[in-house]
Amino acid sequence: MIDLRSDTVTRPTPAMRRAMADAEVGDDVLDGDPTVLKLQERVAALLGKERALFVPTGTMGNACGIWVHGKHGTEAYAHDDSHIVNWEIAGMAGLRGVQPRMVHGAPVMTLDTLKAAVRPASKHAPPASLVCFENTHNGAGGMVTPLAELRAMADFARGTLKLPIHMDGARLWNAHIATGTPLADFAACADTVMVSFSKGLGAPLGACIVGSADHIHEAFVARKRLGGGMRQSGIVAAAALHGLEHHLERLAEDHANAKRLAAIVADGVKDVQVVPPDTNIVMIDLPPRIDATTVTAKAKALGVQISAWHDKRVRVVTHLDASSADVERAAEAVVASLR
């Protein structure tokens, strides 16, 4: 079975497992785990921020970012197809009392769509307390928001709206490799940024939130309140460090495999719309007569697992555990399923 449902399905490589087994550990909650501290310093330096905080999941990292900037009874500007809005079970509202102010307009947020979402101040409407970016954009098929657009939105948010910015950068590594844009340049467009290790980098779990020393102090408090303090967490931090050292540059292979898969499907089935991938996610939009669950069931019967994004769209994600040969075989299976 070739599993292309997500890049989260990767298993630690033998070398990553050895790094985990050999990791120097301590009590991270009491006085700091040495491997966690090393990871935090590395990630903060890569993203050009003062400090970083290791958290169990990207969703918790986003929750901490929203906690740092958001205020109870306010709203946050966020794209209507963003992960924070759709896939974190209303965490911003349930945990922080912040409701999303939807920024409409496919496929990703832009300066124009952000401006269009702004409403005049009113005593009958909640004020905004932050803006949320996402790069790469999961729902848009791993699309990269270019640095120039991010900078324009950041200038508007900080200058005109006077609001802080949190970036869901779960796959920011992919944006960096796909464009050559330095991670620190992307990160400079937000006050806090979450990056994940459990996707393209192949670690079993973990993420970091980065920002100023004051912001990360507040994020530490939020992590504690959310139950995210971990003890000998150097074991999993070692996996993240290994991923940064050995799997970051190879993300280009995933991007190339995604483009190859997209081309095979587009050539093989003429009445589907394949979204050209920027990175490692391929979205396939289906004609009216086909539904996504039927396609995924047929693909699974042929030995390939893909996911139904919604009734008329399926998602295929290339990753560390899928070789070029695997992806070629999977592409043919997807074509057969669609036919």
C-alpha atoms as a PDB file:
ATOM      1  CA  MET A   1       0.000   0.000   0.000  1.00  0.00           C
ATOM      2  CA  ILE A   2       1.328   3.411  -1.011  1.00  0.00           C
ATOM      3  CA  ASP A   3      -0.038   5.995   1.414  1.00  0.00           C
ATOM      4  CA  LEU A   4      -0.294   9.488  -0.087  1.00  0.00           C
ATOM      5  CA  ARG A   5      -3.063  10.815   2.141  1.00  0.00           C
ATOM      6  CA  SER A   6      -0.683  13.230   3.861  1.00  0.00           C
ATOM      7  CA  ASP A   7       2.980  13.895   4.582  1.00  0.00           C
ATOM      8  CA  THR A   8       2.129  13.206   8.225  1.00  0.00           C
ATOM      9  CA  VAL A   9       2.140   9.430   7.565  1.00  0.00           C
ATOM     10  CA  THR A  10       5.944   9.251   7.360  1.00  0.00           C
ATOM     11  CA  ARG A  11       7.742   6.972   9.801  1.00  0.00           C
ATOM     12  CA  PRO A  12      11.077   7.845  11.385  1.00  0.00           C
ATOM     13  CA  THR A  13      14.009   6.584   9.328  1.00  0.00           C
ATOM     14  CA  PRO A  14      16.513   4.213  10.959  1.00  0.00           C
ATOM     15  CA  ALA A  15      18.965   7.120  11.299  1.00  0.00           C
ATOM     16  CA  MET A  16      16.278   9.276  12.926  1.00  0.00           C
ATOM     17  CA  ARG A  17      15.457   6.477  15.359  1.00  0.00           C
ATOM     18  CA  ARG A  18      19.132   6.209  16.305  1.00  0.00           C
ATOM     19  CA  ALA A  19      19.277   9.949  16.933  1.00  0.00           C
ATOM     20  CA  MET A  20      16.222   9.653  19.163  1.00  0.00           C
ATOM     21  CA  ALA A  21      17.690   6.714  21.090  1.00  0.00           C
ATOM     22  CA  ASP A  22      20.978   8.544  21.652  1.00  0.00           C
ATOM     23  CA  ALA A  23      19.463  11.914  22.589  1.00  0.00           C
ATOM     24  CA  GLU A  24      20.699  13.667  25.722  1.00  0.00           C
ATOM     25  CA  VAL A  25      17.628  14.429  27.843  1.00  0.00           C
ATOM     26  CA  GLY A  26      16.531  16.293  30.964  1.00  0.00           C
ATOM     27  CA  ASP A  27      13.304  17.610  32.458  1.00  0.00           C
ATOM     28  CA  ASP A  28      12.204  20.312  30.061  1.00  0.00           C
ATOM     29  CA  VAL A  29       9.484  21.650  32.359  1.00  0.00           C
ATOM     30  CA  LEU A  30      11.730  21.970  35.417  1.00  0.00           C
ATOM     31  CA  ASP A  31      15.065  23.238  34.133  1.00  0.00           C
ATOM     32  CA  GLY A  32      15.254  22.531  30.417  1.00  0.00           C
ATOM     33  CA  ASP A  33      16.019  19.503  28.287  1.00  0.00           C
ATOM     34  CA  PRO A  34      19.399  19.993  26.543  1.00  0.00           C
ATOM     35  CA  THR A  35      18.262  18.589  23.191  1.00  0.00           C
ATOM     36  CA  VAL A  36      15.078  20.663  23.258  1.00  0.00           C
ATOM     37  CA  LEU A  37      17.130  23.762  24.033  1.00  0.00           C
ATOM     38  CA  LYS A  38      19.404  22.979  21.082  1.00  0.00           C
ATOM     39  CA  LEU A  39      16.397  22.580  18.776  1.00  0.00           C
ATOM     40  CA  GLN A  40      14.828  25.805  19.980  1.00  0.00           C
ATOM     41  CA  GLU A  41      18.044  27.752  19.430  1.00  0.00           C
ATOM     42  CA  ARG A  42      18.433  26.265  15.941  1.00  0.00           C
ATOM     43  CA  VAL A  43      14.887  27.054  14.865  1.00  0.00           C
ATOM     44  CA  ALA A  44      14.969  30.586  16.285  1.00  0.00           C
ATOM     45  CA  ALA A  45      18.184  31.262  14.355  1.00  0.00           C
ATOM     46  CA  LEU A  46      16.821  29.793  11.114  1.00  0.00           C
ATOM     47  CA  LEU A  47      13.725  31.973  11.293  1.00  0.00           C
ATOM     48  CA  GLY A  48      15.501  35.078  12.526  1.00  0.00           C
ATOM     49  CA  LYS A  49      13.573  35.373  15.795  1.00  0.00           C
ATOM     50  CA  GLU A  50      14.758  35.841  19.374  1.00  0.00           C
ATOM     51  CA  ARG A  51      13.356  32.645  20.810  1.00  0.00           C
ATOM     52  CA  ALA A  52      11.488  29.447  20.005  1.00  0.00           C
ATOM     53  CA  LEU A  53       9.306  27.087  22.038  1.00  0.00           C
ATOM     54  CA  PHE A  54       8.908  23.375  21.316  1.00  0.00           C
ATOM     55  CA  VAL A  55       5.295  22.163  21.397  1.00  0.00           C
ATOM     56  CA  PRO A  56       3.762  18.723  20.740  1.00  0.00           C
ATOM     57  CA  THR A  57       1.709  19.724  17.677  1.00  0.00           C
ATOM     58  CA  GLY A  58       1.265  22.452  15.111  1.00  0.00           C
ATOM     59  CA  THR A  59      -2.306  22.960  16.250  1.00  0.00           C
ATOM     60  CA  MET A  60      -1.041  23.713  19.761  1.00  0.00           C
ATOM     61  CA  GLY A  61       1.543  26.059  18.270  1.00  0.00           C
ATOM     62  CA  ASN A  62      -1.210  27.961  16.476  1.00  0.00           C
ATOM     63  CA  ALA A  63      -3.282  28.001  19.659  1.00  0.00           C
ATOM     64  CA  CYS A  64      -0.321  29.512  21.528  1.00  0.00           C
ATOM     65  CA  GLY A  65       0.148  32.159  18.839  1.00  0.00           C
ATOM     66  CA  ILE A  66      -3.511  33.119  18.984  1.00  0.00           C
ATOM     67  CA  TRP A  67      -3.327  33.170  22.782  1.00  0.00           C
ATOM     68  CA  VAL A  68      -0.343  35.530  22.686  1.00  0.00           C
ATOM     69  CA  HIS A  69      -1.938  38.079  20.349  1.00  0.00           C
ATOM     70  CA  GLY A  70      -5.685  37.558  20.626  1.00  0.00           C
ATOM     71  CA  LYS A  71      -7.995  39.207  23.122  1.00  0.00           C
ATOM     72  CA  HIS A  72     -11.196  37.705  24.465  1.00  0.00           C
ATOM     73  CA  GLY A  73     -14.271  39.003  22.651  1.00  0.00           C
ATOM     74  CA  THR A  74     -12.392  40.093  19.512  1.00  0.00           C
ATOM     75  CA  GLU A  75     -11.895  38.624  16.068  1.00  0.00           C
ATOM     76  CA  ALA A  76      -8.958  37.523  13.934  1.00  0.00           C
ATOM     77  CA  TYR A  77      -8.634  38.014  10.199  1.00  0.00           C
ATOM     78  CA  ALA A  78      -8.093  34.560   8.670  1.00  0.00           C
ATOM     79  CA  HIS A  79      -8.604  33.062   5.231  1.00  0.00           C
ATOM     80  CA  ASP A  80     -11.877  31.162   4.961  1.00  0.00           C
ATOM     81  CA  ASP A  81     -10.098  27.995   3.742  1.00  0.00           C
ATOM     82  CA  SER A  82      -7.251  28.157   6.254  1.00  0.00           C
ATOM     83  CA  HIS A  83      -6.265  25.355   8.613  1.00  0.00           C
ATOM     84  CA  ILE A  84      -6.862  27.577  11.649  1.00  0.00           C
ATOM     85  CA  VAL A  85     -10.476  28.146  10.560  1.00  0.00           C
ATOM     86  CA  ASN A  86     -11.405  24.686   9.297  1.00  0.00           C
ATOM     87  CA  TRP A  87      -9.283  22.037  11.003  1.00  0.00           C
ATOM     88  CA  GLU A  88      -8.627  23.125  14.591  1.00  0.00           C
ATOM     89  CA  ILE A  89     -12.165  22.542  15.944  1.00  0.00           C
ATOM     90  CA  ALA A  90     -12.833  26.225  16.616  1.00  0.00           C
ATOM     91  CA  GLY A  91      -9.807  26.465  18.896  1.00  0.00           C
ATOM     92  CA  MET A  92      -9.489  30.236  18.578  1.00  0.00           C
ATOM     93  CA  ALA A  93     -13.054  30.651  19.805  1.00  0.00           C
ATOM     94  CA  GLY A  94     -13.145  27.801  22.307  1.00  0.00           C
ATOM     95  CA  LEU A  95      -9.779  28.476  23.934  1.00  0.00           C
ATOM     96  CA  ARG A  96      -9.222  32.204  23.518  1.00  0.00           C
ATOM     97  CA  GLY A  97     -12.671  33.679  22.876  1.00  0.00           C
ATOM     98  CA  VAL A  98     -11.605  35.000  19.462  1.00  0.00           C
ATOM     99  CA  GLN A  99     -13.869  34.522  16.464  1.00  0.00           C
ATOM    100  CA  PRO A 100     -12.588  34.396  12.877  1.00  0.00           C
ATOM    101  CA  ARG A 101     -13.283  37.315  10.586  1.00  0.00           C
ATOM    102  CA  MET A 102     -13.306  35.493   7.266  1.00  0.00           C
ATOM    103  CA  VAL A 103     -11.118  36.737   4.452  1.00  0.00           C
ATOM    104  CA  HIS A 104     -12.834  35.420   1.331  1.00  0.00           C
ATOM    105  CA  GLY A 105     -11.323  34.893  -2.085  1.00  0.00           C
ATOM    106  CA  ALA A 106      -9.683  31.787  -3.402  1.00  0.00           C
ATOM    107  CA  PRO A 107      -7.176  30.378  -3.355  1.00  0.00           C
ATOM    108  CA  VAL A 108      -5.162  32.253  -0.657  1.00  0.00           C
ATOM    109  CA  MET A 109      -5.271  35.531   1.236  1.00  0.00           C
ATOM    110  CA  THR A 110      -3.947  38.573  -0.637  1.00  0.00           C
ATOM    111  CA  LEU A 111      -3.622  42.234   0.211  1.00  0.00           C
ATOM    112  CA  ASP A 112      -6.785  42.991  -1.774  1.00  0.00           C
ATOM    113  CA  THR A 113      -8.879  40.289  -0.087  1.00  0.00           C
ATOM    114  CA  LEU A 114      -7.580  41.274   3.348  1.00  0.00           C
ATOM    115  CA  LYS A 115      -8.538  44.897   2.695  1.00  0.00           C
ATOM    116  CA  ALA A 116     -11.986  43.787   1.511  1.00  0.00           C
ATOM    117  CA  ALA A 117     -12.607  41.965   4.799  1.00  0.00           C
ATOM    118  CA  VAL A 118     -12.028  45.076   6.915  1.00  0.00           C
ATOM    119  CA  ARG A 119     -15.215  46.659   8.210  1.00  0.00           C
ATOM    120  CA  PRO A 120     -15.616  50.113   9.728  1.00  0.00           C
ATOM    121  CA  ALA A 121     -15.318  50.345  13.489  1.00  0.00           C
ATOM    122  CA  SER A 122     -18.677  50.078  15.220  1.00  0.00           C
ATOM    123  CA  LYS A 123     -19.918  49.760  18.766  1.00  0.00           C
ATOM    124  CA  HIS A 124     -22.006  46.837  17.491  1.00  0.00           C
ATOM    125  CA  ALA A 125     -19.117  44.839  15.991  1.00  0.00           C
ATOM    126  CA  PRO A 126     -16.151  43.184  17.709  1.00  0.00           C
ATOM    127  CA  PRO A 127     -12.772  44.783  17.122  1.00  0.00           C
ATOM    128  CA  ALA A 128      -9.979  42.751  15.553  1.00  0.00           C
ATOM    129  CA  SER A 129      -6.942  41.781  17.603  1.00  0.00           C
ATOM    130  CA  LEU A 130      -4.743  39.911  15.100  1.00  0.00           C
ATOM    131  CA  VAL A 131      -4.231  38.681  11.545  1.00  0.00           C
ATOM    132  CA  CYS A 132      -3.458  35.048  10.685  1.00  0.00           C
ATOM    133  CA  PHE A 133      -1.401  34.029   7.633  1.00  0.00           C
ATOM    134  CA  GLU A 134      -0.818  30.508   6.300  1.00  0.00           C
ATOM    135  CA  ASN A 135       2.195  29.574   4.142  1.00  0.00           C
ATOM    136  CA  THR A 136       2.177  27.156   2.403  1.00  0.00           C
ATOM    137  CA  HIS A 137      -1.619  27.067   2.189  1.00  0.00           C
ATOM    138  CA  ASN A 138      -2.894  23.543   2.789  1.00  0.00           C
ATOM    139  CA  GLY A 139      -6.411  23.981   1.411  1.00  0.00           C
ATOM    140  CA  ALA A 140      -5.079  25.614  -1.749  1.00  0.00           C
ATOM    141  CA  GLY A 141      -2.894  22.603  -2.499  1.00  0.00           C
ATOM    142  CA  GLY A 142       0.343  23.634  -0.823  1.00  0.00           C
ATOM    143  CA  MET A 143       0.353  26.981  -2.608  1.00  0.00           C
ATOM    144  CA  VAL A 144       3.109  29.419  -1.669  1.00  0.00           C
ATOM    145  CA  THR A 145       2.238  33.014  -0.866  1.00  0.00           C
ATOM    146  CA  PRO A 146       5.190  34.928  -2.370  1.00  0.00           C
ATOM    147  CA  LEU A 147       7.339  37.095  -0.160  1.00  0.00           C
ATOM    148  CA  ALA A 148       6.256  40.321  -1.881  1.00  0.00           C
ATOM    149  CA  GLU A 149       2.582  39.591  -1.163  1.00  0.00           C
ATOM    150  CA  LEU A 150       3.333  38.632   2.443  1.00  0.00           C
ATOM    151  CA  ARG A 151       5.260  41.862   2.950  1.00  0.00           C
ATOM    152  CA  ALA A 152       2.421  43.924   1.489  1.00  0.00           C
ATOM    153  CA  MET A 153      -0.114  42.260   3.782  1.00  0.00           C
ATOM    154  CA  ALA A 154       2.194  42.615   6.775  1.00  0.00           C
ATOM    155  CA  ASP A 155       2.702  46.328   6.106  1.00  0.00           C
ATOM    156  CA  PHE A 156      -1.062  46.816   5.885  1.00  0.00           C
ATOM    157  CA  ALA A 157      -1.784  44.773   9.027  1.00  0.00           C
ATOM    158  CA  ARG A 158       0.892  46.452  11.111  1.00  0.00           C
ATOM    159  CA  GLY A 159       0.665  49.941   9.647  1.00  0.00           C
ATOM    160  CA  THR A 160      -2.986  50.546   8.808  1.00  0.00           C
ATOM    161  CA  LEU A 161      -4.754  48.048  11.058  1.00  0.00           C
ATOM    162  CA  LYS A 162      -2.198  48.287  13.919  1.00  0.00           C
ATOM    163  CA  LEU A 163      -2.501  44.537  14.462  1.00  0.00           C
ATOM    164  CA  PRO A 164       0.025  41.783  15.220  1.00  0.00           C
ATOM    165  CA  ILE A 165       0.390  38.773  12.912  1.00  0.00           C
ATOM    166  CA  HIS A 166       0.613  35.039  13.547  1.00  0.00           C
ATOM    167  CA  MET A 167       1.712  32.767  10.708  1.00  0.00           C
ATOM    168  CA  ASP A 168       0.707  29.112  10.417  1.00  0.00           C
ATOM    169  CA  GLY A 169       3.922  27.985   8.766  1.00  0.00           C
ATOM    170  CA  ALA A 170       3.438  24.259   9.223  1.00  0.00           C
ATOM    171  CA  ARG A 171       4.942  23.736   5.763  1.00  0.00           C
ATOM    172  CA  LEU A 172       7.048  26.903   5.610  1.00  0.00           C
ATOM    173  CA  TRP A 173      10.020  24.596   4.966  1.00  0.00           C
ATOM    174  CA  ASN A 174       8.374  23.679   1.636  1.00  0.00           C
ATOM    175  CA  ALA A 175       7.848  27.331   0.725  1.00  0.00           C
ATOM    176  CA  HIS A 176      11.531  27.994   1.440  1.00  0.00           C
ATOM    177  CA  ILE A 177      12.763  25.115  -0.723  1.00  0.00           C
ATOM    178  CA  ALA A 178      10.305  25.798  -3.550  1.00  0.00           C
ATOM    179  CA  THR A 179      11.162  29.493  -3.879  1.00  0.00           C
ATOM    180  CA  GLY A 180      14.666  29.843  -2.443  1.00  0.00           C
ATOM    181  CA  THR A 181      13.344  32.579  -0.147  1.00  0.00           C
ATOM    182  CA  PRO A 182      15.212  32.538   3.180  1.00  0.00           C
ATOM    183  CA  LEU A 183      13.125  31.291   6.095  1.00  0.00           C
ATOM    184  CA  ALA A 184      13.959  34.430   8.053  1.00  0.00           C
ATOM    185  CA  ASP A 185      12.536  36.632   5.288  1.00  0.00           C
ATOM    186  CA  PHE A 186       9.233  34.764   5.384  1.00  0.00           C
ATOM    187  CA  ALA A 187       9.203  34.840   9.200  1.00  0.00           C
ATOM    188  CA  ALA A 188       9.864  38.593   9.311  1.00  0.00           C
ATOM    189  CA  CYS A 189       6.343  39.055   7.916  1.00  0.00           C
ATOM    190  CA  ALA A 190       4.806  37.843  11.188  1.00  0.00           C
ATOM    191  CA  ASP A 191       5.294  38.443  14.889  1.00  0.00           C
ATOM    192  CA  THR A 192       4.983  34.752  15.738  1.00  0.00           C
ATOM    193  CA  VAL A 193       5.378  31.771  13.401  1.00  0.00           C
ATOM    194  CA  MET A 194       4.579  28.101  13.887  1.00  0.00           C
ATOM    195  CA  VAL A 195       6.634  25.512  12.000  1.00  0.00           C
ATOM    196  CA  SER A 196       5.986  21.765  12.075  1.00  0.00           C
ATOM    197  CA  PHE A 197       8.447  18.861  12.060  1.00  0.00           C
ATOM    198  CA  SER A 198       5.963  16.007  11.562  1.00  0.00           C
ATOM    199  CA  LYS A 199       5.236  16.623   7.868  1.00  0.00           C
ATOM    200  CA  GLY A 200       7.905  17.022   5.215  1.00  0.00           C
ATOM    201  CA  LEU A 201      10.772  16.678   7.694  1.00  0.00           C
ATOM    202  CA  GLY A 202       9.564  13.236   8.736  1.00  0.00           C
ATOM    203  CA  ALA A 203       9.627  13.540  12.539  1.00  0.00           C
ATOM    204  CA  PRO A 204       7.018  11.587  14.510  1.00  0.00           C
ATOM    205  CA  LEU A 205       5.647  14.705  16.195  1.00  0.00           C
ATOM    206  CA  GLY A 206       6.434  18.244  17.237  1.00  0.00           C
ATOM    207  CA  ALA A 207       6.422  21.878  16.191  1.00  0.00           C
ATOM    208  CA  CYS A 208       7.941  25.160  17.307  1.00  0.00           C
ATOM    209  CA  ILE A 209       6.481  28.613  17.737  1.00  0.00           C
ATOM    210  CA  VAL A 210       9.005  31.431  17.308  1.00  0.00           C
ATOM    211  CA  GLY A 211       8.879  35.117  18.163  1.00  0.00           C
ATOM    212  CA  SER A 212      10.299  37.741  20.486  1.00  0.00           C
ATOM    213  CA  ALA A 213      11.420  36.822  23.981  1.00  0.00           C
ATOM    214  CA  ASP A 214       8.264  38.400  25.426  1.00  0.00           C
ATOM    215  CA  HIS A 215       5.987  36.572  22.997  1.00  0.00           C
ATOM    216  CA  ILE A 216       7.618  33.219  23.714  1.00  0.00           C
ATOM    217  CA  HIS A 217       7.336  33.811  27.446  1.00  0.00           C
ATOM    218  CA  GLU A 218       3.581  34.251  26.941  1.00  0.00           C
ATOM    219  CA  ALA A 219       3.518  31.205  24.648  1.00  0.00           C
ATOM    220  CA  PHE A 220       5.185  29.151  27.405  1.00  0.00           C
ATOM    221  CA  VAL A 221       2.369  30.096  29.768  1.00  0.00           C
ATOM    222  CA  ALA A 222      -0.207  29.179  27.105  1.00  0.00           C
ATOM    223  CA  ARG A 223       1.493  25.832  26.463  1.00  0.00           C
ATOM    224  CA  LYS A 224       1.415  25.056  30.188  1.00  0.00           C
ATOM    225  CA  ARG A 225      -2.255  26.000  30.421  1.00  0.00           C
ATOM    226  CA  LEU A 226      -3.046  23.775  27.433  1.00  0.00           C
ATOM    227  CA  GLY A 227      -1.214  20.836  29.014  1.00  0.00           C
ATOM    228  CA  GLY A 228       1.651  20.864  26.541  1.00  0.00           C
ATOM    229  CA  GLY A 229       4.638  20.845  28.872  1.00  0.00           C
ATOM    230  CA  MET A 230       6.759  17.758  28.175  1.00  0.00           C
ATOM    231  CA  ARG A 231       9.466  16.211  30.344  1.00  0.00           C
ATOM    232  CA  GLN A 232      12.247  14.192  28.621  1.00  0.00           C
ATOM    233  CA  SER A 233      11.143  15.628  25.301  1.00  0.00           C
ATOM    234  CA  GLY A 234      14.668  15.600  23.903  1.00  0.00           C
ATOM    235  CA  ILE A 235      13.851  12.156  22.531  1.00  0.00           C
ATOM    236  CA  VAL A 236      11.429  13.680  20.036  1.00  0.00           C
ATOM    237  CA  ALA A 237      13.336  16.960  19.677  1.00  0.00           C
ATOM    238  CA  ALA A 238      16.246  14.854  18.410  1.00  0.00           C
ATOM    239  CA  ALA A 239      14.004  13.611  15.603  1.00  0.00           C
ATOM    240  CA  ALA A 240      13.170  17.193  14.651  1.00  0.00           C
ATOM    241  CA  LEU A 241      16.860  18.151  14.645  1.00  0.00           C
ATOM    242  CA  HIS A 242      17.655  15.146  12.467  1.00  0.00           C
ATOM    243  CA  GLY A 243      14.907  16.189  10.060  1.00  0.00           C
ATOM    244  CA  LEU A 244      16.317  19.712   9.810  1.00  0.00           C
ATOM    245  CA  GLU A 245      19.810  18.410   9.192  1.00  0.00           C
ATOM    246  CA  HIS A 246      19.004  15.621   6.723  1.00  0.00           C
ATOM    247  CA  HIS A 247      15.525  16.066   5.245  1.00  0.00           C
ATOM    248  CA  LEU A 248      15.120  19.785   4.585  1.00  0.00           C
ATOM    249  CA  GLU A 249      16.912  20.050   1.243  1.00  0.00           C
ATOM    250  CA  ARG A 250      15.371  16.808  -0.039  1.00  0.00           C
ATOM    251  CA  LEU A 251      11.908  18.416   0.040  1.00  0.00           C
ATOM    252  CA  ALA A 252      12.733  19.372  -3.555  1.00  0.00           C
ATOM    253  CA  GLU A 253      12.306  15.668  -4.420  1.00  0.00           C
ATOM    254  CA  ASP A 254       8.774  15.715  -3.021  1.00  0.00           C
ATOM    255  CA  HIS A 255       7.977  18.798  -5.074  1.00  0.00           C
ATOM    256  CA  ALA A 256       9.295  17.174  -8.249  1.00  0.00           C
ATOM    257  CA  ASN A 257       7.306  14.005  -7.531  1.00  0.00           C
ATOM    258  CA  ALA A 258       4.147  16.053  -7.015  1.00  0.00           C
ATOM    259  CA  LYS A 259       4.616  17.797 -10.356  1.00  0.00           C
ATOM    260  CA  ARG A 260       5.178  14.435 -12.075  1.00  0.00           C
ATOM    261  CA  LEU A 261       2.037  12.963 -10.514  1.00  0.00           C
ATOM    262  CA  ALA A 262      -0.004  16.017 -11.482  1.00  0.00           C
ATOM    263  CA  ALA A 263       1.201  15.751 -15.086  1.00  0.00           C
ATOM    264  CA  ILE A 264       0.373  12.030 -15.336  1.00  0.00           C
ATOM    265  CA  VAL A 265      -3.135  12.556 -13.988  1.00  0.00           C
ATOM    266  CA  ALA A 266      -3.792  15.608 -16.164  1.00  0.00           C
ATOM    267  CA  ASP A 267      -2.629  13.730 -19.268  1.00  0.00           C
ATOM    268  CA  GLY A 268      -4.455  10.540 -18.368  1.00  0.00           C
ATOM    269  CA  VAL A 269      -7.893  11.936 -17.532  1.00  0.00           C
ATOM    270  CA  LYS A 270      -9.037  14.875 -19.605  1.00  0.00           C
ATOM    271  CA  ASP A 271     -12.169  15.936 -17.721  1.00  0.00           C
ATOM    272  CA  VAL A 272     -10.629  16.518 -14.296  1.00  0.00           C
ATOM    273  CA  GLN A 273      -8.907  19.706 -13.206  1.00  0.00           C
ATOM    274  CA  VAL A 274      -5.517  19.182 -11.615  1.00  0.00           C
ATOM    275  CA  VAL A 275      -4.270  22.174  -9.623  1.00  0.00           C
ATOM    276  CA  PRO A 276      -0.610  22.704 -10.644  1.00  0.00           C
ATOM    277  CA  PRO A 277       1.364  22.114  -7.418  1.00  0.00           C
ATOM    278  CA  ASP A 278       3.770  24.677  -6.014  1.00  0.00           C
ATOM    279  CA  THR A 279       5.102  22.160  -3.509  1.00  0.00           C
ATOM    280  CA  ASN A 280       4.117  18.617  -2.452  1.00  0.00           C
ATOM    281  CA  ILE A 281       0.297  18.685  -2.454  1.00  0.00           C
ATOM    282  CA  VAL A 282      -1.777  17.857  -5.534  1.00  0.00           C
ATOM    283  CA  MET A 283      -5.464  18.769  -5.564  1.00  0.00           C
ATOM    284  CA  ILE A 284      -7.660  17.103  -8.192  1.00  0.00           C
ATOM    285  CA  ASP A 285     -11.097  18.594  -8.875  1.00  0.00           C
ATOM    286  CA  LEU A 286     -13.662  16.124 -10.139  1.00  0.00           C
ATOM    287  CA  PRO A 287     -16.425  16.416 -12.754  1.00  0.00           C
ATOM    288  CA  PRO A 288     -20.073  16.313 -11.577  1.00  0.00           C
ATOM    289  CA  ARG A 289     -20.563  12.598 -12.242  1.00  0.00           C
ATOM    290  CA  ILE A 290     -17.744  11.495  -9.913  1.00  0.00           C
ATOM    291  CA  ASP A 291     -17.581  11.840  -6.127  1.00  0.00           C
ATOM    292  CA  ALA A 292     -14.413  11.867  -4.092  1.00  0.00           C
ATOM    293  CA  THR A 293     -15.235   8.937  -1.807  1.00  0.00           C
ATOM    294  CA  THR A 294     -15.730   6.643  -4.815  1.00  0.00           C
ATOM    295  CA  VAL A 295     -12.359   7.674  -6.228  1.00  0.00           C
ATOM    296  CA  THR A 296     -10.529   7.135  -2.931  1.00  0.00           C
ATOM    297  CA  ALA A 297     -12.150   3.700  -2.485  1.00  0.00           C
ATOM    298  CA  LYS A 298     -11.159   2.607  -5.990  1.00  0.00           C
ATOM    299  CA  ALA A 299      -7.605   3.901  -5.512  1.00  0.00           C
ATOM    300  CA  LYS A 300      -7.294   2.004  -2.237  1.00  0.00           C
ATOM    301  CA  ALA A 301      -8.416  -1.185  -3.969  1.00  0.00           C
ATOM    302  CA  LEU A 302      -5.503  -0.614  -6.361  1.00  0.00           C
ATOM    303  CA  GLY A 303      -3.035  -0.216  -3.485  1.00  0.00           C
ATOM    304  CA  VAL A 304      -2.915   3.573  -3.135  1.00  0.00           C
ATOM    305  CA  GLN A 305      -4.390   5.666  -0.338  1.00  0.00           C
ATOM    306  CA  ILE A 306      -5.426   9.239  -1.133  1.00  0.00           C
ATOM    307  CA  SER A 307      -7.854  11.494   0.717  1.00  0.00           C
ATOM    308  CA  ALA A 308     -11.187  13.108  -0.076  1.00  0.00           C
ATOM    309  CA  TRP A 309     -10.770  16.818   0.573  1.00  0.00           C
ATOM    310  CA  HIS A 310     -14.441  17.386  -0.089  1.00  0.00           C
ATOM    311  CA  ASP A 311     -17.094  15.770  -2.293  1.00  0.00           C
ATOM    312  CA  LYS A 312     -15.578  17.035  -5.544  1.00  0.00           C
ATOM    313  CA  ARG A 313     -11.882  17.233  -4.685  1.00  0.00           C
ATOM    314  CA  VAL A 314      -9.268  14.641  -3.794  1.00  0.00           C
ATOM    315  CA  ARG A 315      -5.854  15.363  -2.317  1.00  0.00           C
ATOM    316  CA  VAL A 316      -2.586  13.537  -2.970  1.00  0.00           C
ATOM    317  CA  VAL A 317       0.547  14.378  -0.959  1.00  0.00           C
ATOM    318  CA  THR A 318       4.100  13.310  -1.776  1.00  0.00           C
ATOM    319  CA  HIS A 319       6.580  12.761   1.041  1.00  0.00           C
ATOM    320  CA  LEU A 320       9.737  11.170   2.400  1.00  0.00           C
ATOM    321  CA  ASP A 321       8.342   7.609   2.404  1.00  0.00           C
ATOM    322  CA  ALA A 322       7.183   7.686  -1.235  1.00  0.00           C
ATOM    323  CA  SER A 323       9.900   7.176  -3.846  1.00  0.00           C
ATOM    324  CA  SER A 324       9.678   8.419  -7.407  1.00  0.00           C
ATOM    325  CA  ALA A 325       8.728   4.894  -8.490  1.00  0.00           C
ATOM    326  CA  ASP A 326       6.004   4.781  -5.824  1.00  0.00           C
ATOM    327  CA  VAL A 327       4.611   8.080  -7.044  1.00  0.00           C
ATOM    328  CA  GLU A 328       4.600   6.938 -10.680  1.00  0.00           C
ATOM    329  CA  ARG A 329       2.701   3.798  -9.699  1.00  0.00           C
ATOM    330  CA  ALA A 330       0.323   5.809  -7.534  1.00  0.00           C
ATOM    331  CA  ALA A 331      -0.347   8.249 -10.375  1.00  0.00           C
ATOM    332  CA  GLU A 332      -1.364   5.406 -12.682  1.00  0.00           C
ATOM    333  CA  ALA A 333      -3.655   4.023  -9.981  1.00  0.00           C
ATOM    334  CA  VAL A 334      -5.287   7.433  -9.542  1.00  0.00           C
ATOM    335  CA  VAL A 335      -5.812   7.656 -13.301  1.00  0.00           C
ATOM    336  CA  ALA A 336      -7.404   4.207 -13.320  1.00  0.00           C
ATOM    337  CA  SER A 337      -9.628   5.166 -10.384  1.00  0.00           C
ATOM    338  CA  LEU A 338     -10.804   8.324 -12.117  1.00  0.00           C
ATOM    339  CA  ARG A 339     -11.531   6.471 -15.335  1.00  0.00           C
END
